[in-house]
Amino acid sequence: MSKILFINPVGHTDFDAPIERYLNHHKMEKTTVEVKSLSRGPHHLEYHYYEALIGPEMLQMIKAYEEKGYDAAVIGCFYDPFLHEAREIVEKMVVTAPAEAALHIAATLGNKFSIIVGRKKHIPVMEENVIKYGFKDKLASFKDLEMGVLDFQQEVKETEKRIMAKARAALDEDLAEVILLGCTIQFGFFAELQQKLGVPVIDAVLAPFKYAEFLVELKNKFNWQHSKIYGYEKPPADEMEKWGLAKGEQGLFIR
């Protein structure tokens, strides 16, 4: 049995219940999932400044849920904010995020992929992640919908229409073989699009969640988990205590 935390790293709960229902519909039988957002903060992360504001509370939440016995955390934004920072502070929990998971899956399912984003503003950070994760040569293109994150679920028919048009262009013009939906709030669109397009369409909520289930299984069966030397080495406890960084507003942070 695995317990997975899916974090909506924003300061509102509008999508918590629908995403939790969505994940419960697709989870493995012995998986339990909780979807939780932050107590305050921006309502989307389309700007670097907004992203910077979520770090402390989200990292405290991840550590707190590890203390509660959760096996995995998913950081639910395609920018993958604070993913490496989270892996530094956890000891037994596995942590993943949408871009990392979706890119690995897409690279397995086709030679080239295209990523459907909301606005051109989103492309630089996502392109940096594609390069950082080692998939530059697999990227066919980015396609933008000229829509903000909060528009996707308000204008469902229009969102689907625009994704379809951009995805067809990616397949025909850029020779993409797999389509990635580059925002978690595009959840729920993949199945119908995939049927019409005839290629894999990767959902940015399901991909990291199923990847988390997979990583938990690897940890439980083979003890394969985040290496704690070099890249994900944990900050020294004595430094954290000395500098007053070991406790946050929500209690224990690192020990």
Foldseek 3Di string as FASTA:
>chain_A
DAEEEEEPAAQDCPCQVVLLVVCVVVDDPPYHYGYYYFNHFHHDPLDPVRLVVRPPRVLQVLQVVVVVVHAEYEHAWLLCRCQLVSLLFDDRHAYYYQVLQVLVVLVVFDQAEEEEEADPSPPPSNQVVCVVSPNNRRYQYYHHQPHDLVVCVVCVVSNLVSVLVRVVCCCPPRVHQEYEHRTQSNPPNQPVSCVVVVGHYHHSSVRVVVVSVVQSVCCVPPVDHDDCPDSSPHDDPVVCVVVVNQADPVGGNHD
